[in-house]
Each structure stands twice: as C-alpha cells, then as structure tokens.
Full PDB file with SEQRES, HELIX, SHEET, SSBOND, CRYST1, ORIGX, SCALE, CONECT and MASTER records, all heavy atoms in Angstrom:
SEQRES   1 A   38  GLU ALA ARG MET GLN GLU LEU PHE LYS GLN GLU TYR VAL          
SEQRES   2 A   38  SER ARG GLN GLU LEU GLU GLN ALA VAL GLN ALA ARG ARG          
SEQRES   3 A   38  SER SER GLU ALA GLN LEU ALA GLN ALA ARG ALA ALA              
HELIX    1 AA1 ALA A    2  LYS A    9  1                                   8    
HELIX    2 AA2 ARG A   15  ALA A   37  1                                  23    
CRYST1    1.000    1.000    1.000  90.00  90.00  90.00 P 1           1          
ORIGX1      1.000000  0.000000  0.000000        0.00000                         
ORIGX2      0.000000  1.000000  0.000000        0.00000                         
ORIGX3      0.000000  0.000000  1.000000        0.00000                         
SCALE1      1.000000  0.000000  0.000000        0.00000                         
SCALE2      0.000000  1.000000  0.000000        0.00000                         
SCALE3      0.000000  0.000000  1.000000        0.00000                         
ATOM      1  N   GLU A   1       2.666  -4.172   5.171  1.00  0.00           N  
ATOM      2  CA  GLU A   1       2.634  -2.766   4.745  1.00  0.00           C  
ATOM      3  C   GLU A   1       3.628  -2.514   3.610  1.00  0.00           C  
ATOM      4  O   GLU A   1       3.310  -1.793   2.638  1.00  0.00           O  
ATOM      5  CB  GLU A   1       2.946  -1.858   5.939  1.00  0.00           C  
ATOM      6  CG  GLU A   1       2.929  -0.380   5.578  1.00  0.00           C  
ATOM      7  CD  GLU A   1       3.406   0.510   6.714  1.00  0.00           C  
ATOM      8  OE1 GLU A   1       3.830  -0.024   7.770  1.00  0.00           O  
ATOM      9  OE2 GLU A   1       3.364   1.759   6.560  1.00  0.00           O  
ATOM     10  N   ALA A   2       4.805  -3.128   3.685  1.00  0.00           N  
ATOM     11  CA  ALA A   2       5.796  -2.934   2.629  1.00  0.00           C  
ATOM     12  C   ALA A   2       5.292  -3.500   1.303  1.00  0.00           C  
ATOM     13  O   ALA A   2       5.470  -2.874   0.235  1.00  0.00           O  
ATOM     14  CB  ALA A   2       7.116  -3.594   3.029  1.00  0.00           C  
ATOM     15  N   ARG A   3       4.654  -4.678   1.318  1.00  0.00           N  
ATOM     16  CA  ARG A   3       4.116  -5.252   0.085  1.00  0.00           C  
ATOM     17  C   ARG A   3       3.023  -4.366  -0.479  1.00  0.00           C  
ATOM     18  O   ARG A   3       2.912  -4.156  -1.696  1.00  0.00           O  
ATOM     19  CB  ARG A   3       3.594  -6.658   0.347  1.00  0.00           C  
ATOM     20  CG  ARG A   3       4.694  -7.710   0.464  1.00  0.00           C  
ATOM     21  CD  ARG A   3       4.128  -9.115   0.398  1.00  0.00           C  
ATOM     22  NE  ARG A   3       3.233  -9.393   1.545  1.00  0.00           N  
ATOM     23  CZ  ARG A   3       3.631  -9.888   2.707  1.00  0.00           C  
ATOM     24  NH1 ARG A   3       4.922 -10.178   2.877  1.00  0.00           N  
ATOM     25  NH2 ARG A   3       2.755 -10.110   3.670  1.00  0.00           N  
ATOM     26  N   MET A   4       2.156  -3.845   0.408  1.00  0.00           N  
ATOM     27  CA  MET A   4       1.071  -2.985  -0.068  1.00  0.00           C  
ATOM     28  C   MET A   4       1.613  -1.716  -0.703  1.00  0.00           C  
ATOM     29  O   MET A   4       1.053  -1.195  -1.669  1.00  0.00           O  
ATOM     30  CB  MET A   4       0.131  -2.631   1.105  1.00  0.00           C  
ATOM     31  CG  MET A   4      -0.754  -3.789   1.524  1.00  0.00           C  
ATOM     32  SD  MET A   4      -1.915  -4.254   0.198  1.00  0.00           S  
ATOM     33  CE  MET A   4      -2.771  -5.608   0.987  1.00  0.00           C  
ATOM     34  N   GLN A   5       2.711  -1.210  -0.170  1.00  0.00           N  
ATOM     35  CA  GLN A   5       3.310  -0.019  -0.770  1.00  0.00           C  
ATOM     36  C   GLN A   5       3.762  -0.319  -2.218  1.00  0.00           C  
ATOM     37  O   GLN A   5       3.526   0.482  -3.135  1.00  0.00           O  
ATOM     38  CB  GLN A   5       4.519   0.436   0.080  1.00  0.00           C  
ATOM     39  CG  GLN A   5       4.164   0.987   1.441  1.00  0.00           C  
ATOM     40  CD  GLN A   5       3.620   2.411   1.379  1.00  0.00           C  
ATOM     41  OE1 GLN A   5       3.516   3.009   0.284  1.00  0.00           O  
ATOM     42  NE2 GLN A   5       3.216   2.934   2.527  1.00  0.00           N  
ATOM     43  N   GLU A   6       4.410  -1.470  -2.464  1.00  0.00           N  
ATOM     44  CA  GLU A   6       4.868  -1.814  -3.811  1.00  0.00           C  
ATOM     45  C   GLU A   6       3.680  -2.071  -4.742  1.00  0.00           C  
ATOM     46  O   GLU A   6       3.673  -1.638  -5.901  1.00  0.00           O  
ATOM     47  CB  GLU A   6       5.754  -3.055  -3.751  1.00  0.00           C  
ATOM     48  CG  GLU A   6       7.068  -2.843  -3.025  1.00  0.00           C  
ATOM     49  CD  GLU A   6       7.944  -1.840  -3.744  1.00  0.00           C  
ATOM     50  OE1 GLU A   6       7.868  -1.746  -4.987  1.00  0.00           O  
ATOM     51  OE2 GLU A   6       8.709  -1.125  -3.045  1.00  0.00           O  
ATOM     52  N   LEU A   7       2.668  -2.762  -4.244  1.00  0.00           N  
ATOM     53  CA  LEU A   7       1.509  -3.043  -5.094  1.00  0.00           C  
ATOM     54  C   LEU A   7       0.729  -1.771  -5.410  1.00  0.00           C  
ATOM     55  O   LEU A   7       0.153  -1.639  -6.506  1.00  0.00           O  
ATOM     56  CB  LEU A   7       0.577  -4.059  -4.404  1.00  0.00           C  
ATOM     57  CG  LEU A   7       1.156  -5.465  -4.235  1.00  0.00           C  
ATOM     58  CD1 LEU A   7       0.204  -6.352  -3.430  1.00  0.00           C  
ATOM     59  CD2 LEU A   7       1.413  -6.091  -5.622  1.00  0.00           C  
ATOM     60  N   PHE A   8       0.695  -0.834  -4.433  1.00  0.00           N  
ATOM     61  CA  PHE A   8      -0.018   0.419  -4.688  1.00  0.00           C  
ATOM     62  C   PHE A   8       0.698   1.237  -5.753  1.00  0.00           C  
ATOM     63  O   PHE A   8       0.047   1.888  -6.589  1.00  0.00           O  
ATOM     64  CB  PHE A   8      -0.140   1.222  -3.390  1.00  0.00           C  
ATOM     65  CG  PHE A   8      -0.813   2.535  -3.559  1.00  0.00           C  
ATOM     66  CD1 PHE A   8      -2.197   2.617  -3.754  1.00  0.00           C  
ATOM     67  CD2 PHE A   8      -0.080   3.716  -3.586  1.00  0.00           C  
ATOM     68  CE1 PHE A   8      -2.818   3.840  -3.936  1.00  0.00           C  
ATOM     69  CE2 PHE A   8      -0.698   4.945  -3.759  1.00  0.00           C  
ATOM     70  CZ  PHE A   8      -2.086   5.015  -3.929  1.00  0.00           C  
ATOM     71  N   LYS A   9       2.017   1.184  -5.771  1.00  0.00           N  
ATOM     72  CA  LYS A   9       2.763   1.906  -6.797  1.00  0.00           C  
ATOM     73  C   LYS A   9       2.466   1.335  -8.178  1.00  0.00           C  
ATOM     74  O   LYS A   9       2.486   2.046  -9.182  1.00  0.00           O  
ATOM     75  CB  LYS A   9       4.257   1.828  -6.518  1.00  0.00           C  
ATOM     76  CG  LYS A   9       4.681   2.620  -5.277  1.00  0.00           C  
ATOM     77  CD  LYS A   9       6.185   2.466  -5.030  1.00  0.00           C  
ATOM     78  CE  LYS A   9       6.630   3.212  -3.787  1.00  0.00           C  
ATOM     79  NZ  LYS A   9       8.069   3.072  -3.526  1.00  0.00           N  
ATOM     80  N   GLN A  10       2.248   0.008  -8.258  1.00  0.00           N  
ATOM     81  CA  GLN A  10       1.951  -0.620  -9.557  1.00  0.00           C  
ATOM     82  C   GLN A  10       0.454  -0.626  -9.836  1.00  0.00           C  
ATOM     83  O   GLN A  10       0.024  -1.243 -10.805  1.00  0.00           O  
ATOM     84  CB  GLN A  10       2.489  -2.052  -9.557  1.00  0.00           C  
ATOM     85  CG  GLN A  10       3.988  -2.129  -9.366  1.00  0.00           C  
ATOM     86  CD  GLN A  10       4.495  -3.560  -9.278  1.00  0.00           C  
ATOM     87  OE1 GLN A  10       3.729  -4.513  -9.549  1.00  0.00           O  
ATOM     88  NE2 GLN A  10       5.752  -3.718  -8.892  1.00  0.00           N  
ATOM     89  N   GLU A  11      -0.327  -0.003  -8.940  1.00  0.00           N  
ATOM     90  CA  GLU A  11      -1.771   0.150  -9.077  1.00  0.00           C  
ATOM     91  C   GLU A  11      -2.500  -1.197  -9.082  1.00  0.00           C  
ATOM     92  O   GLU A  11      -3.503  -1.380  -9.759  1.00  0.00           O  
ATOM     93  CB  GLU A  11      -2.125   0.932 -10.358  1.00  0.00           C  
ATOM     94  CG  GLU A  11      -1.604   2.353 -10.345  1.00  0.00           C  
ATOM     95  CD  GLU A  11      -2.000   3.121 -11.591  1.00  0.00           C  
ATOM     96  OE1 GLU A  11      -2.622   2.471 -12.474  1.00  0.00           O  
ATOM     97  OE2 GLU A  11      -1.721   4.320 -11.651  1.00  0.00           O  
ATOM     98  N   TYR A  12      -1.960  -2.162  -8.280  1.00  0.00           N  
ATOM     99  CA  TYR A  12      -2.637  -3.439  -8.132  1.00  0.00           C  
ATOM    100  C   TYR A  12      -3.625  -3.453  -6.961  1.00  0.00           C  
ATOM    101  O   TYR A  12      -4.494  -4.311  -6.873  1.00  0.00           O  
ATOM    102  CB  TYR A  12      -1.638  -4.572  -7.948  1.00  0.00           C  
ATOM    103  CG  TYR A  12      -0.890  -4.915  -9.225  1.00  0.00           C  
ATOM    104  CD1 TYR A  12       0.481  -4.726  -9.318  1.00  0.00           C  
ATOM    105  CD2 TYR A  12      -1.578  -5.464 -10.323  1.00  0.00           C  
ATOM    106  CE1 TYR A  12       1.164  -5.039 -10.484  1.00  0.00           C  
ATOM    107  CE2 TYR A  12      -0.912  -5.769 -11.488  1.00  0.00           C  
ATOM    108  CZ  TYR A  12       0.462  -5.569 -11.563  1.00  0.00           C  
ATOM    109  OH  TYR A  12       1.125  -5.869 -12.721  1.00  0.00           O  
ATOM    110  N   VAL A  13      -3.416  -2.531  -6.007  1.00  0.00           N  
ATOM    111  CA  VAL A  13      -4.320  -2.427  -4.851  1.00  0.00           C  
ATOM    112  C   VAL A  13      -4.781  -0.994  -4.751  1.00  0.00           C  
ATOM    113  O   VAL A  13      -4.154  -0.057  -5.266  1.00  0.00           O  
ATOM    114  CB  VAL A  13      -3.620  -2.847  -3.544  1.00  0.00           C  
ATOM    115  CG1 VAL A  13      -3.250  -4.328  -3.566  1.00  0.00           C  
ATOM    116  CG2 VAL A  13      -2.411  -1.983  -3.267  1.00  0.00           C  
ATOM    117  N   SER A  14      -5.900  -0.833  -4.064  1.00  0.00           N  
ATOM    118  CA  SER A  14      -6.456   0.508  -3.884  1.00  0.00           C  
ATOM    119  C   SER A  14      -5.777   1.219  -2.687  1.00  0.00           C  
ATOM    120  O   SER A  14      -5.097   0.602  -1.862  1.00  0.00           O  
ATOM    121  CB  SER A  14      -7.966   0.432  -3.664  1.00  0.00           C  
ATOM    122  OG  SER A  14      -8.239  -0.236  -2.432  1.00  0.00           O  
ATOM    123  N   ARG A  15      -6.024   2.518  -2.588  1.00  0.00           N  
ATOM    124  CA  ARG A  15      -5.485   3.299  -1.458  1.00  0.00           C  
ATOM    125  C   ARG A  15      -6.094   2.840  -0.126  1.00  0.00           C  
ATOM    126  O   ARG A  15      -5.411   2.851   0.909  1.00  0.00           O  
ATOM    127  CB  ARG A  15      -5.734   4.775  -1.672  1.00  0.00           C  
ATOM    128  CG  ARG A  15      -5.245   5.681  -0.556  1.00  0.00           C  
ATOM    129  CD  ARG A  15      -5.386   7.129  -0.921  1.00  0.00           C  
ATOM    130  NE  ARG A  15      -4.522   7.455  -2.037  1.00  0.00           N  
ATOM    131  CZ  ARG A  15      -3.238   7.830  -1.914  1.00  0.00           C  
ATOM    132  NH1 ARG A  15      -2.676   7.854  -0.702  1.00  0.00           N  
ATOM    133  NH2 ARG A  15      -2.524   8.124  -2.967  1.00  0.00           N  
ATOM    134  N   GLN A  16      -7.331   2.417  -0.148  1.00  0.00           N  
ATOM    135  CA  GLN A  16      -7.976   1.968   1.093  1.00  0.00           C  
ATOM    136  C   GLN A  16      -7.270   0.723   1.645  1.00  0.00           C  
ATOM    137  O   GLN A  16      -7.036   0.622   2.857  1.00  0.00           O  
ATOM    138  CB  GLN A  16      -9.454   1.655   0.841  1.00  0.00           C  
ATOM    139  CG  GLN A  16     -10.197   1.199   2.083  1.00  0.00           C  
ATOM    140  CD  GLN A  16     -11.657   0.894   1.797  1.00  0.00           C  
ATOM    141  OE1 GLN A  16     -12.097   0.966   0.633  1.00  0.00           O  
ATOM    142  NE2 GLN A  16     -12.402   0.562   2.846  1.00  0.00           N  
ATOM    143  N   GLU A  17      -6.902  -0.191   0.752  1.00  0.00           N  
ATOM    144  CA  GLU A  17      -6.197  -1.388   1.226  1.00  0.00           C  
ATOM    145  C   GLU A  17      -4.824  -1.037   1.796  1.00  0.00           C  
ATOM    146  O   GLU A  17      -4.382  -1.633   2.773  1.00  0.00           O  
ATOM    147  CB  GLU A  17      -6.065  -2.383   0.067  1.00  0.00           C  
ATOM    148  CG  GLU A  17      -7.391  -2.964  -0.382  1.00  0.00           C  
ATOM    149  CD  GLU A  17      -7.251  -3.848  -1.615  1.00  0.00           C  
ATOM    150  OE1 GLU A  17      -6.421  -3.485  -2.489  1.00  0.00           O  
ATOM    151  OE2 GLU A  17      -7.955  -4.868  -1.695  1.00  0.00           O  
ATOM    152  N   LEU A  18      -4.160  -0.040   1.183  1.00  0.00           N  
ATOM    153  CA  LEU A  18      -2.867   0.400   1.713  1.00  0.00           C  
ATOM    154  C   LEU A  18      -3.032   1.010   3.101  1.00  0.00           C  
ATOM    155  O   LEU A  18      -2.253   0.734   4.021  1.00  0.00           O  
ATOM    156  CB  LEU A  18      -2.240   1.408   0.747  1.00  0.00           C  
ATOM    157  CG  LEU A  18      -0.930   2.052   1.231  1.00  0.00           C  
ATOM    158  CD1 LEU A  18       0.138   0.977   1.438  1.00  0.00           C  
ATOM    159  CD2 LEU A  18      -0.456   3.119   0.237  1.00  0.00           C  
ATOM    160  N   GLU A  19      -4.069   1.845   3.275  1.00  0.00           N  
ATOM    161  CA  GLU A  19      -4.276   2.476   4.570  1.00  0.00           C  
ATOM    162  C   GLU A  19      -4.644   1.449   5.641  1.00  0.00           C  
ATOM    163  O   GLU A  19      -4.266   1.592   6.812  1.00  0.00           O  
ATOM    164  CB  GLU A  19      -5.388   3.518   4.449  1.00  0.00           C  
ATOM    165  CG  GLU A  19      -4.957   4.738   3.618  1.00  0.00           C  
ATOM    166  CD  GLU A  19      -6.088   5.719   3.404  1.00  0.00           C  
ATOM    167  OE1 GLU A  19      -7.248   5.372   3.757  1.00  0.00           O  
ATOM    168  OE2 GLU A  19      -5.824   6.827   2.909  1.00  0.00           O  
ATOM    169  N   GLN A  20      -5.366   0.416   5.268  1.00  0.00           N  
ATOM    170  CA  GLN A  20      -5.656  -0.653   6.229  1.00  0.00           C  
ATOM    171  C   GLN A  20      -4.388  -1.372   6.668  1.00  0.00           C  
ATOM    172  O   GLN A  20      -4.246  -1.747   7.835  1.00  0.00           O  
ATOM    173  CB  GLN A  20      -6.643  -1.637   5.616  1.00  0.00           C  
ATOM    174  CG  GLN A  20      -8.050  -1.091   5.463  1.00  0.00           C  
ATOM    175  CD  GLN A  20      -8.999  -2.059   4.783  1.00  0.00           C  
ATOM    176  OE1 GLN A  20      -8.538  -3.072   4.217  1.00  0.00           O  
ATOM    177  NE2 GLN A  20     -10.294  -1.754   4.797  1.00  0.00           N  
ATOM    178  N   ALA A  21      -3.453  -1.566   5.761  1.00  0.00           N  
ATOM    179  CA  ALA A  21      -2.185  -2.206   6.107  1.00  0.00           C  
ATOM    180  C   ALA A  21      -1.371  -1.325   7.052  1.00  0.00           C  
ATOM    181  O   ALA A  21      -0.730  -1.807   8.007  1.00  0.00           O  
ATOM    182  CB  ALA A  21      -1.381  -2.515   4.851  1.00  0.00           C  
ATOM    183  N   VAL A  22      -1.400   0.009   6.797  1.00  0.00           N  
ATOM    184  CA  VAL A  22      -0.682   0.949   7.692  1.00  0.00           C  
ATOM    185  C   VAL A  22      -1.316   0.922   9.080  1.00  0.00           C  
ATOM    186  O   VAL A  22      -0.622   0.918  10.107  1.00  0.00           O  
ATOM    187  CB  VAL A  22      -0.697   2.352   7.073  1.00  0.00           C  
ATOM    188  CG1 VAL A  22      -0.139   3.370   8.062  1.00  0.00           C  
ATOM    189  CG2 VAL A  22       0.061   2.382   5.757  1.00  0.00           C  
ATOM    190  N   GLN A  23      -2.668   0.906   9.097  1.00  0.00           N  
ATOM    191  CA  GLN A  23      -3.353   0.895  10.410  1.00  0.00           C  
ATOM    192  C   GLN A  23      -3.045  -0.396  11.163  1.00  0.00           C  
ATOM    193  O   GLN A  23      -2.863  -0.373  12.398  1.00  0.00           O  
ATOM    194  CB  GLN A  23      -4.858   1.041  10.189  1.00  0.00           C  
ATOM    195  CG  GLN A  23      -5.683   1.192  11.464  1.00  0.00           C  
ATOM    196  CD  GLN A  23      -6.086  -0.139  12.062  1.00  0.00           C  
ATOM    197  OE1 GLN A  23      -6.149  -1.146  11.313  1.00  0.00           O  
ATOM    198  NE2 GLN A  23      -6.307  -0.154  13.367  1.00  0.00           N  
ATOM    199  N   ALA A  24      -2.955  -1.522  10.511  1.00  0.00           N  
ATOM    200  CA  ALA A  24      -2.648  -2.787  11.173  1.00  0.00           C  
ATOM    201  C   ALA A  24      -1.233  -2.764  11.741  1.00  0.00           C  
ATOM    202  O   ALA A  24      -0.988  -3.272  12.848  1.00  0.00           O  
ATOM    203  CB  ALA A  24      -2.821  -3.935  10.191  1.00  0.00           C  
ATOM    204  N   ARG A  25      -0.294  -2.156  11.011  1.00  0.00           N  
ATOM    205  CA  ARG A  25       1.084  -2.068  11.526  1.00  0.00           C  
ATOM    206  C   ARG A  25       1.144  -1.197  12.753  1.00  0.00           C  
ATOM    207  O   ARG A  25       1.796  -1.522  13.753  1.00  0.00           O  
ATOM    208  CB  ARG A  25       1.972  -1.537  10.412  1.00  0.00           C  
ATOM    209  CG  ARG A  25       3.457  -1.574  10.731  1.00  0.00           C  
ATOM    210  CD  ARG A  25       3.970  -0.194  11.191  1.00  0.00           C  
ATOM    211  NE  ARG A  25       3.644   0.830  10.217  1.00  0.00           N  
ATOM    212  CZ  ARG A  25       3.788   2.128  10.475  1.00  0.00           C  
ATOM    213  NH1 ARG A  25       4.190   2.539  11.689  1.00  0.00           N  
ATOM    214  NH2 ARG A  25       3.463   3.028   9.544  1.00  0.00           N  
ATOM    215  N   ARG A  26       0.456  -0.023  12.735  1.00  0.00           N  
ATOM    216  CA  ARG A  26       0.481   0.860  13.897  1.00  0.00           C  
ATOM    217  C   ARG A  26      -0.188   0.208  15.117  1.00  0.00           C  
ATOM    218  O   ARG A  26       0.275   0.356  16.232  1.00  0.00           O  
ATOM    219  CB  ARG A  26      -0.218   2.161  13.550  1.00  0.00           C  
ATOM    220  CG  ARG A  26       0.544   3.017  12.535  1.00  0.00           C  
ATOM    221  CD  ARG A  26      -0.238   4.287  12.199  1.00  0.00           C  
ATOM    222  NE  ARG A  26       0.509   5.138  11.268  1.00  0.00           N  
ATOM    223  CZ  ARG A  26       0.024   6.263  10.739  1.00  0.00           C  
ATOM    224  NH1 ARG A  26      -1.224   6.661  11.055  1.00  0.00           N  
ATOM    225  NH2 ARG A  26       0.754   6.971   9.911  1.00  0.00           N  
ATOM    226  N   SER A  27      -1.269  -0.494  14.889  1.00  0.00           N  
ATOM    227  CA  SER A  27      -1.957  -1.152  15.996  1.00  0.00           C  
ATOM    228  C   SER A  27      -1.092  -2.240  16.624  1.00  0.00           C  
ATOM    229  O   SER A  27      -1.040  -2.369  17.858  1.00  0.00           O  
ATOM    230  CB  SER A  27      -3.267  -1.770  15.488  1.00  0.00           C  
ATOM    231  OG  SER A  27      -3.922  -2.459  16.529  1.00  0.00           O  
ATOM    232  N   SER A  28      -0.403  -2.982  15.797  1.00  0.00           N  
ATOM    233  CA  SER A  28       0.460  -4.034  16.340  1.00  0.00           C  
ATOM    234  C   SER A  28       1.641  -3.428  17.103  1.00  0.00           C  
ATOM    235  O   SER A  28       2.085  -3.968  18.121  1.00  0.00           O  
ATOM    236  CB  SER A  28       0.968  -4.933  15.197  1.00  0.00           C  
ATOM    237  OG  SER A  28       1.701  -4.179  14.252  1.00  0.00           O  
ATOM    238  N   GLU A  29       2.164  -2.286  16.648  1.00  0.00           N  
ATOM    239  CA  GLU A  29       3.257  -1.628  17.384  1.00  0.00           C  
ATOM    240  C   GLU A  29       2.766  -1.115  18.751  1.00  0.00           C  
ATOM    241  O   GLU A  29       3.491  -1.187  19.747  1.00  0.00           O  
ATOM    242  CB  GLU A  29       3.815  -0.466  16.551  1.00  0.00           C  
ATOM    243  CG  GLU A  29       4.607  -0.927  15.339  1.00  0.00           C  
ATOM    244  CD  GLU A  29       5.096   0.240  14.491  1.00  0.00           C  
ATOM    245  OE1 GLU A  29       4.598   1.373  14.695  1.00  0.00           O  
ATOM    246  OE2 GLU A  29       5.977   0.026  13.623  1.00  0.00           O  
ATOM    247  N   ALA A  30       1.530  -0.606  18.794  1.00  0.00           N  
ATOM    248  CA  ALA A  30       0.964  -0.164  20.074  1.00  0.00           C  
ATOM    249  C   ALA A  30       0.776  -1.351  21.020  1.00  0.00           C  
ATOM    250  O   ALA A  30       1.050  -1.239  22.228  1.00  0.00           O  
ATOM    251  CB  ALA A  30      -0.354   0.561  19.841  1.00  0.00           C  
ATOM    252  N   GLN A  31       0.333  -2.468  20.490  1.00  0.00           N  
ATOM    253  CA  GLN A  31       0.186  -3.659  21.319  1.00  0.00           C  
ATOM    254  C   GLN A  31       1.542  -4.150  21.841  1.00  0.00           C  
ATOM    255  O   GLN A  31       1.648  -4.629  22.973  1.00  0.00           O  
ATOM    256  CB  GLN A  31      -0.502  -4.761  20.533  1.00  0.00           C  
ATOM    257  CG  GLN A  31      -1.956  -4.443  20.203  1.00  0.00           C  
ATOM    258  CD  GLN A  31      -2.595  -5.513  19.337  1.00  0.00           C  
ATOM    259  OE1 GLN A  31      -1.970  -6.546  19.012  1.00  0.00           O  
ATOM    260  NE2 GLN A  31      -3.828  -5.281  18.919  1.00  0.00           N  
ATOM    261  N   LEU A  32       2.596  -3.970  21.046  1.00  0.00           N  
ATOM    262  CA  LEU A  32       3.930  -4.360  21.481  1.00  0.00           C  
ATOM    263  C   LEU A  32       4.403  -3.464  22.646  1.00  0.00           C  
ATOM    264  O   LEU A  32       4.978  -3.947  23.616  1.00  0.00           O  
ATOM    265  CB  LEU A  32       4.909  -4.275  20.307  1.00  0.00           C  
ATOM    266  CG  LEU A  32       6.362  -4.594  20.645  1.00  0.00           C  
ATOM    267  CD1 LEU A  32       6.494  -6.017  21.165  1.00  0.00           C  
ATOM    268  CD2 LEU A  32       7.252  -4.377  19.413  1.00  0.00           C  
ATOM    269  N   ALA A  33       4.137  -2.157  22.503  1.00  0.00           N  
ATOM    270  CA  ALA A  33       4.504  -1.245  23.595  1.00  0.00           C  
ATOM    271  C   ALA A  33       3.750  -1.580  24.872  1.00  0.00           C  
ATOM    272  O   ALA A  33       4.297  -1.552  25.978  1.00  0.00           O  
ATOM    273  CB  ALA A  33       4.233   0.191  23.166  1.00  0.00           C  
ATOM    274  N   GLN A  34       2.464  -1.925  24.740  1.00  0.00           N  
ATOM    275  CA  GLN A  34       1.671  -2.296  25.905  1.00  0.00           C  
ATOM    276  C   GLN A  34       2.192  -3.587  26.534  1.00  0.00           C  
ATOM    277  O   GLN A  34       2.269  -3.706  27.764  1.00  0.00           O  
ATOM    278  CB  GLN A  34       0.213  -2.464  25.491  1.00  0.00           C  
ATOM    279  CG  GLN A  34      -0.729  -2.748  26.648  1.00  0.00           C  
ATOM    280  CD  GLN A  34      -2.178  -2.837  26.195  1.00  0.00           C  
ATOM    281  OE1 GLN A  34      -2.468  -2.724  24.992  1.00  0.00           O  
ATOM    282  NE2 GLN A  34      -3.072  -3.022  27.146  1.00  0.00           N  
ATOM    283  N   ALA A  35       2.555  -4.553  25.714  1.00  0.00           N  
ATOM    284  CA  ALA A  35       3.090  -5.813  26.229  1.00  0.00           C  
ATOM    285  C   ALA A  35       4.414  -5.597  26.942  1.00  0.00           C  
ATOM    286  O   ALA A  35       4.684  -6.199  27.987  1.00  0.00           O  
ATOM    287  CB  ALA A  35       3.237  -6.812  25.102  1.00  0.00           C  
ATOM    288  N   ARG A  36       5.263  -4.749  26.366  1.00  0.00           N  
ATOM    289  CA  ARG A  36       6.545  -4.464  27.024  1.00  0.00           C  
ATOM    290  C   ARG A  36       6.349  -3.754  28.366  1.00  0.00           C  
ATOM    291  O   ARG A  36       7.065  -4.010  29.335  1.00  0.00           O  
ATOM    292  CB  ARG A  36       7.413  -3.625  26.100  1.00  0.00           C  
ATOM    293  CG  ARG A  36       7.994  -4.430  24.930  1.00  0.00           C  
ATOM    294  CD  ARG A  36       8.732  -3.536  23.976  1.00  0.00           C  
ATOM    295  NE  ARG A  36       9.378  -4.326  22.918  1.00  0.00           N  
ATOM    296  CZ  ARG A  36       9.966  -3.791  21.838  1.00  0.00           C  
ATOM    297  NH1 ARG A  36       9.965  -2.449  21.662  1.00  0.00           N  
ATOM    298  NH2 ARG A  36      10.528  -4.576  20.944  1.00  0.00           N  
ATOM    299  N   ALA A  37       5.380  -2.822  28.458  1.00  0.00           N  
ATOM    300  CA  ALA A  37       5.105  -2.134  29.718  1.00  0.00           C  
ATOM    301  C   ALA A  37       4.624  -3.128  30.770  1.00  0.00           C  
ATOM    302  O   ALA A  37       5.030  -3.064  31.951  1.00  0.00           O  
ATOM    303  CB  ALA A  37       4.065  -1.037  29.501  1.00  0.00           C  
ATOM    304  N   ALA A  38       3.749  -4.064  30.358  1.00  0.00           N  
ATOM    305  CA  ALA A  38       3.292  -5.075  31.308  1.00  0.00           C  
ATOM    306  C   ALA A  38       4.442  -5.967  31.763  1.00  0.00           C  
ATOM    307  O   ALA A  38       4.519  -6.340  32.946  1.00  0.00           O  
ATOM    308  CB  ALA A  38       2.180  -5.902  30.676  1.00  0.00           C  
TER     309      ALA A  38                                                      
MASTER        0    0    0    2    0    0    0    6  308    1    0    3          
END                                                                             
C-alpha cells in the first residue's frame, strides 16, 4: 500500500490499483485479528 501511494502520486498507477492495495491491507489486518482471537 505504501508503494502504491508513492506511485499514485507520480501517476504511474491508476486509482483502482491503489484502492486494491488498500483493500488487501485491510483484509489482511482483519485476518490477523481473527487469528489472534482464535
């Protein structure tokens, strides 16, 4: 997500690719919370 933020500022990637990176980070954090609860 951090790399996508820098590339998006330099207009090397589209907004959709940035949003996909954000969604992947949030999903992985939710999986971490679920794993910790288990």
